Amino acid sequence: MGLTFVSEPVRVSTPATSANLGPGFDSLGLALTLYDDLSARVTGDSFTVSVSGEGAGELPADESHLVVRAMLATFDELGERPKGVAVECVNRIPQARGLGSSSAAIVGGVQLARALVREQLSDEDALRIAARLEGHPDNVAPCLLGGFTIAWTEGAGSRAVRLDVADGVQATVFVPEERGLTSTARAALPSAVPHADAAFNAGRTALLVHALTREPALLLAATEDRLHQGYRAEAMPGTASLVASLRSVGVAAVVSGAGPTVLALTPVPGDFHPGSAWRAESLGVDSTGALVKGSMVEHAERGPVAAGRQS
């Protein structure tokens, strides 16, 4: 017996995310209150995409679009594809800036496919599919689950734990016009690091979990990093300079994901001016993750969640 697809359109809102958060390379992530809004309906012929906002006129309008690719991977997991789907994307997350635009597209596609099928797919499976498409789980985990997440790979799957952020954490993003590529940022990293630096980051990562969830006063020390930001500084001198300037006035600032956006986790002094190259925006921490509206998988609140599956 085949799958049953809903006839009405389904909608999902996916949050921006910031990964690494300083020392938590490829493992820590935070969901932020900046959203892409996606909708999809089953059609009888082909897969089409319309895009407005960020990426309009640049992103593909067919099956090669990342949202559709994620939908197709999810449909294949469930065992059947519809003949066609019309997707509409209203994008607000800046493209290629280190705020998880690709993860938002992937998680959005997975969630849209879940909502179009009258058969439940668990969050564990959704995370596994999304992480496989993205290549690592640090951004897709907070996008799917919301809040502050710790993600890791185990066997052939990805898992994540969601935690609530303490009062007092204030997120500000500094977004430049220039774009960056994750592949370029990763190419700047060495194949090995000194043992002392690895030990330093292990301690700071553990401290960061405590600081984000219990004691934000420790965030400046907790966001120190020796594994990736220094190696990437030459390729992103403006980003490195802004991080250093913010930290010099006591702000817990880090490179957001692979950059070039800068994330501050503590209040920025009112007289601090990053320069005309940067657009500053104060954001909250999203607590719900990718929210599907008007379907059986809709959720309004999540507690701590462990997600993942080994094969």
Protein backbone atom coordinates (compact mmCIF):
# COMPACT_ATOMS: atom_id res chain seq x y z
CA MET A 1 0.00 0.00 0.00
CA GLY A 2 1.43 3.38 -1.04
CA LEU A 3 1.80 6.54 0.95
CA THR A 4 -1.03 9.03 1.34
CA PHE A 5 -0.10 12.63 0.61
CA VAL A 6 -2.11 15.49 2.05
CA SER A 7 -3.89 17.66 -0.50
CA GLU A 8 -3.61 21.00 1.31
CA PRO A 9 -0.42 23.10 1.41
CA VAL A 10 1.90 22.67 4.41
CA ARG A 11 4.15 25.33 5.90
CA VAL A 12 7.31 25.34 7.97
CA SER A 13 9.37 28.07 9.62
CA THR A 14 13.09 27.30 10.02
CA PRO A 15 15.41 29.31 12.30
CA ALA A 16 18.87 30.62 11.58
CA THR A 17 21.61 28.92 13.55
CA SER A 18 25.14 29.59 14.72
CA ALA A 19 27.53 26.67 15.08
CA ASN A 20 30.78 26.15 17.00
CA LEU A 21 30.16 29.07 19.42
CA GLY A 22 33.91 29.39 19.85
CA PRO A 23 35.46 26.20 21.21
CA GLY A 24 32.66 23.74 20.33
CA PHE A 25 33.91 22.99 16.83
CA ASP A 26 31.48 20.81 14.82
CA SER A 27 29.48 20.01 17.96
CA LEU A 28 27.71 23.02 19.52
CA GLY A 29 24.95 25.07 17.93
CA LEU A 30 22.36 27.70 18.80
CA ALA A 31 19.01 28.47 17.14
CA LEU A 32 18.27 32.16 16.57
CA THR A 33 15.07 34.14 15.99
CA LEU A 34 15.55 34.83 12.30
CA TYR A 35 13.46 32.64 10.00
CA ASP A 36 12.92 31.32 6.51
CA ASP A 37 9.25 30.53 5.77
CA LEU A 38 8.62 27.63 3.39
CA SER A 39 5.46 26.09 1.98
CA ALA A 40 4.78 23.11 -0.26
CA ARG A 41 1.85 21.39 -1.94
CA VAL A 42 1.69 18.17 -3.92
CA THR A 43 1.10 18.61 -7.66
CA GLY A 44 0.63 16.22 -10.52
CA ASP A 45 3.63 16.92 -12.68
CA SER A 46 7.03 18.33 -11.60
CA PHE A 47 9.04 19.82 -8.74
CA THR A 48 9.19 23.61 -8.86
CA VAL A 49 10.54 26.26 -6.49
CA SER A 50 9.91 29.99 -6.20
CA VAL A 51 12.21 32.09 -4.02
CA SER A 52 11.75 35.58 -2.63
CA GLY A 53 14.06 37.47 -0.28
CA GLU A 54 17.59 36.17 0.29
CA GLY A 55 18.85 34.18 -2.69
CA ALA A 56 16.09 35.31 -5.07
CA GLY A 57 17.32 35.10 -8.65
CA GLU A 58 20.33 33.03 -7.58
CA LEU A 59 18.98 29.76 -6.23
CA PRO A 60 17.71 27.03 -8.60
CA ALA A 61 13.99 26.64 -9.27
CA ASP A 62 13.94 22.87 -9.89
CA GLU A 63 14.87 19.58 -8.23
CA SER A 64 18.42 20.75 -7.64
CA HIS A 65 17.20 23.28 -5.04
CA LEU A 66 18.38 22.18 -1.59
CA VAL A 67 14.86 22.21 -0.10
CA VAL A 68 13.63 19.84 -2.82
CA ARG A 69 16.70 17.61 -2.51
CA ALA A 70 15.96 17.25 1.21
CA MET A 71 12.30 16.52 0.48
CA LEU A 72 13.22 13.83 -2.05
CA ALA A 73 15.66 12.20 0.39
CA THR A 74 12.89 12.11 3.00
CA PHE A 75 10.31 10.74 0.55
CA ASP A 76 12.81 8.03 -0.44
CA GLU A 77 13.26 7.18 3.23
CA LEU A 78 9.49 6.78 3.51
CA GLY A 79 9.33 4.70 0.36
CA GLU A 80 7.55 6.81 -2.24
CA ARG A 81 7.79 10.16 -4.03
CA PRO A 82 4.83 12.24 -5.20
CA LYS A 83 4.73 13.10 -8.91
CA GLY A 84 5.43 16.71 -8.18
CA VAL A 85 5.63 19.38 -5.50
CA ALA A 86 5.39 23.17 -5.74
CA VAL A 87 7.62 24.85 -3.13
CA GLU A 88 7.62 28.51 -2.12
CA CYS A 89 10.50 29.97 -0.09
CA VAL A 90 10.49 33.32 1.68
CA ASN A 91 14.12 33.59 2.79
CA ARG A 92 15.37 35.95 5.48
CA ILE A 93 18.52 34.09 6.57
CA PRO A 94 21.54 35.56 4.73
CA GLN A 95 23.13 33.14 2.29
CA ALA A 96 26.71 31.92 2.89
CA ARG A 97 27.30 34.08 5.96
CA GLY A 98 27.68 31.46 8.72
CA LEU A 99 24.06 31.59 9.91
CA GLY A 100 22.95 28.15 8.75
CA SER A 101 21.10 28.99 5.53
CA SER A 102 21.83 25.57 4.04
CA SER A 103 20.78 23.79 7.23
CA ALA A 104 17.54 25.81 7.28
CA ALA A 105 16.84 24.68 3.71
CA ILE A 106 17.64 21.03 4.46
CA VAL A 107 15.67 20.86 7.70
CA GLY A 108 12.82 22.76 6.03
CA GLY A 109 12.71 20.21 3.23
CA VAL A 110 12.71 17.29 5.64
CA GLN A 111 9.92 18.87 7.69
CA LEU A 112 7.82 19.71 4.62
CA ALA A 113 8.08 16.12 3.42
CA ARG A 114 7.09 14.85 6.87
CA ALA A 115 4.05 17.10 6.86
CA LEU A 116 2.95 16.07 3.35
CA VAL A 117 2.86 12.38 4.25
CA ARG A 118 0.29 10.87 6.59
CA GLU A 119 2.96 8.72 8.18
CA GLN A 120 5.10 9.81 11.08
CA LEU A 121 8.86 10.13 10.82
CA SER A 122 10.63 10.57 14.14
CA ASP A 123 12.87 13.49 15.05
CA GLU A 124 15.66 10.94 15.33
CA ASP A 125 15.23 9.96 11.68
CA ALA A 126 14.74 13.58 10.61
CA LEU A 127 18.05 14.53 12.23
CA ARG A 128 19.82 11.57 10.64
CA ILE A 129 18.60 12.50 7.15
CA ALA A 130 19.39 16.20 7.59
CA ALA A 131 22.88 15.56 8.99
CA ARG A 132 23.67 13.17 6.14
CA LEU A 133 22.74 15.83 3.59
CA GLU A 134 24.60 18.63 5.38
CA GLY A 135 27.65 16.51 6.16
CA HIS A 136 27.69 17.26 9.91
CA PRO A 137 24.99 17.82 12.55
CA ASP A 138 26.11 21.01 14.34
CA ASN A 139 23.75 23.36 12.44
CA VAL A 140 20.89 21.02 11.55
CA ALA A 141 20.44 19.97 15.20
CA PRO A 142 19.52 23.42 16.57
CA CYS A 143 17.52 24.18 13.43
CA LEU A 144 15.42 21.07 13.97
CA LEU A 145 15.21 21.08 17.77
CA GLY A 146 15.65 24.74 18.75
CA GLY A 147 17.59 26.08 21.73
CA PHE A 148 21.21 25.17 22.42
CA THR A 149 22.29 21.77 21.12
CA ILE A 150 25.20 19.41 21.55
CA ALA A 151 25.52 17.16 18.50
CA TRP A 152 27.73 14.22 17.68
CA THR A 153 28.03 11.25 15.32
CA GLU A 154 27.62 7.73 16.59
CA GLY A 155 27.98 4.75 14.33
CA ALA A 156 26.31 5.64 11.03
CA GLY A 157 24.00 8.25 12.53
CA SER A 158 23.94 11.64 14.20
CA ARG A 159 22.57 12.41 17.62
CA ALA A 160 21.84 15.61 19.51
CA VAL A 161 20.82 16.82 22.94
CA ARG A 162 18.84 20.03 23.32
CA LEU A 163 19.31 22.31 26.34
CA ASP A 164 17.63 25.54 27.41
CA VAL A 165 19.70 28.72 27.48
CA ALA A 166 20.02 30.71 30.70
CA ASP A 167 18.48 34.14 31.13
CA GLY A 168 21.08 36.77 30.41
CA VAL A 169 22.36 35.33 27.14
CA GLN A 170 21.89 38.05 24.52
CA ALA A 171 22.66 37.25 20.89
CA THR A 172 23.79 39.93 18.47
CA VAL A 173 24.94 39.11 14.96
CA PHE A 174 27.21 41.31 12.87
CA VAL A 175 26.61 40.42 9.23
CA PRO A 176 28.86 41.69 6.41
CA GLU A 177 27.94 42.05 2.75
CA GLU A 178 30.72 39.67 1.76
CA ARG A 179 30.01 35.97 1.64
CA GLY A 180 32.05 32.99 2.74
CA LEU A 181 32.21 29.31 1.87
CA THR A 182 32.37 26.51 4.42
CA SER A 183 34.66 24.56 2.11
CA THR A 184 37.13 27.45 1.99
CA ALA A 185 37.04 27.88 5.76
CA ARG A 186 37.65 24.17 6.32
CA ALA A 187 40.54 24.17 3.86
CA ALA A 188 42.36 26.62 6.13
CA LEU A 189 42.42 24.14 9.02
CA PRO A 190 45.51 21.99 9.68
CA SER A 191 45.31 18.22 9.67
CA ALA A 192 46.63 18.09 13.26
CA VAL A 193 46.74 20.47 16.23
CA PRO A 194 48.95 20.54 19.34
CA HIS A 195 47.77 18.39 22.22
CA ALA A 196 47.80 21.43 24.49
CA ASP A 197 45.36 23.26 22.19
CA ALA A 198 43.04 20.26 22.06
CA ALA A 199 43.06 20.05 25.86
CA PHE A 200 42.43 23.80 26.10
CA ASN A 201 39.37 23.55 23.86
CA ALA A 202 38.01 20.51 25.68
CA GLY A 203 38.01 22.49 28.91
CA ARG A 204 36.50 25.59 27.32
CA THR A 205 33.77 23.55 25.59
CA ALA A 206 32.75 21.98 28.89
CA LEU A 207 32.75 25.41 30.51
CA LEU A 208 30.67 26.84 27.66
CA VAL A 209 27.88 24.32 28.27
CA HIS A 210 27.74 25.48 31.88
CA ALA A 211 28.01 29.17 30.97
CA LEU A 212 25.23 29.06 28.36
CA THR A 213 22.82 27.10 30.54
CA ARG A 214 23.66 28.28 34.06
CA GLU A 215 26.18 31.12 34.40
CA PRO A 216 26.43 33.60 31.48
CA ALA A 217 28.98 35.66 33.43
CA LEU A 218 31.54 33.05 32.39
CA LEU A 219 30.86 33.35 28.64
CA LEU A 220 33.89 35.49 27.82
CA ALA A 221 36.30 32.86 29.12
CA ALA A 222 34.11 29.99 27.91
CA THR A 223 34.17 31.16 24.28
CA GLU A 224 37.97 31.13 23.91
CA ASP A 225 39.14 28.90 21.07
CA ARG A 226 42.41 27.50 19.73
CA LEU A 227 41.17 24.94 17.19
CA HIS A 228 39.76 26.85 14.24
CA GLN A 229 39.26 30.62 14.49
CA GLY A 230 42.96 31.51 14.49
CA TYR A 231 43.67 29.36 11.45
CA ARG A 232 40.84 31.02 9.52
CA ALA A 233 41.80 34.58 10.46
CA GLU A 234 43.99 35.21 7.40
CA ALA A 235 41.11 34.38 5.04
CA MET A 236 38.66 36.56 7.01
CA PRO A 237 40.72 39.47 8.41
CA GLY A 238 37.69 41.70 8.93
CA THR A 239 35.90 39.01 10.91
CA ALA A 240 38.97 38.29 13.03
CA SER A 241 39.45 41.99 13.72
CA LEU A 242 35.83 42.48 14.79
CA VAL A 243 35.94 39.44 17.10
CA ALA A 244 39.11 40.80 18.72
CA SER A 245 37.64 44.29 19.10
CA LEU A 246 34.49 43.01 20.76
CA ARG A 247 36.40 40.72 23.10
CA SER A 248 38.73 43.57 24.07
CA VAL A 249 35.72 45.39 25.58
CA GLY A 250 34.47 42.30 27.40
CA VAL A 251 31.98 40.95 24.85
CA ALA A 252 31.87 37.16 24.35
CA ALA A 253 32.24 37.28 20.56
CA VAL A 254 32.98 34.39 18.21
CA VAL A 255 32.96 33.57 14.52
CA SER A 256 29.48 32.33 13.63
CA GLY A 257 29.90 28.93 12.02
CA ALA A 258 32.40 29.18 9.18
CA GLY A 259 31.92 32.97 9.06
CA PRO A 260 32.12 35.68 8.03
CA THR A 261 29.32 36.71 10.43
CA VAL A 262 30.33 37.46 14.03
CA LEU A 263 28.13 36.35 16.95
CA ALA A 264 28.14 38.10 20.33
CA LEU A 265 26.56 36.23 23.24
CA THR A 266 26.73 39.00 25.85
CA PRO A 267 25.50 42.63 25.66
CA VAL A 268 27.38 44.92 23.30
CA PRO A 269 28.18 48.40 24.69
CA GLY A 270 25.99 51.08 23.18
CA ASP A 271 29.00 53.13 22.11
CA PHE A 272 30.61 50.23 20.23
CA HIS A 273 30.63 50.84 16.46
CA PRO A 274 31.65 47.91 14.24
CA GLY A 275 32.03 50.04 11.12
CA SER A 276 30.00 50.52 7.96
CA ALA A 277 30.89 47.08 6.61
CA TRP A 278 28.74 45.38 9.24
CA ARG A 279 24.99 45.19 9.84
CA ALA A 280 24.21 44.52 13.51
CA GLU A 281 21.01 42.77 14.54
CA SER A 282 19.87 41.71 18.01
CA LEU A 283 18.23 38.30 18.02
CA GLY A 284 16.67 36.04 20.61
CA VAL A 285 17.32 32.34 21.08
CA ASP A 286 14.69 30.29 19.24
CA SER A 287 13.17 27.66 21.53
CA THR A 288 11.03 25.62 19.12
CA GLY A 289 13.19 24.78 16.13
CA ALA A 290 11.68 24.09 12.71
CA LEU A 291 7.99 24.64 13.32
CA VAL A 292 5.56 22.92 10.98
CA LYS A 293 2.21 24.68 10.93
CA GLY A 294 -1.08 22.87 10.61
CA SER A 295 0.11 19.27 10.54
CA MET A 296 0.39 16.24 12.76
CA VAL A 297 4.08 16.94 13.41
CA GLU A 298 3.48 20.47 14.66
CA HIS A 299 5.09 21.18 18.02
CA ALA A 300 4.95 24.21 20.24
CA GLU A 301 7.48 23.35 22.89
CA ARG A 302 10.32 20.89 23.39
CA GLY A 303 12.08 19.69 26.47
CA PRO A 304 15.53 18.08 26.39
CA VAL A 305 15.66 15.74 23.41
CA ALA A 306 18.12 13.08 22.34
CA ALA A 307 17.85 12.37 18.65
CA GLY A 308 19.58 9.94 16.35
CA ARG A 309 19.65 6.38 15.11
CA GLN A 310 22.38 3.87 14.52
CA SER A 311 22.15 1.57 11.55
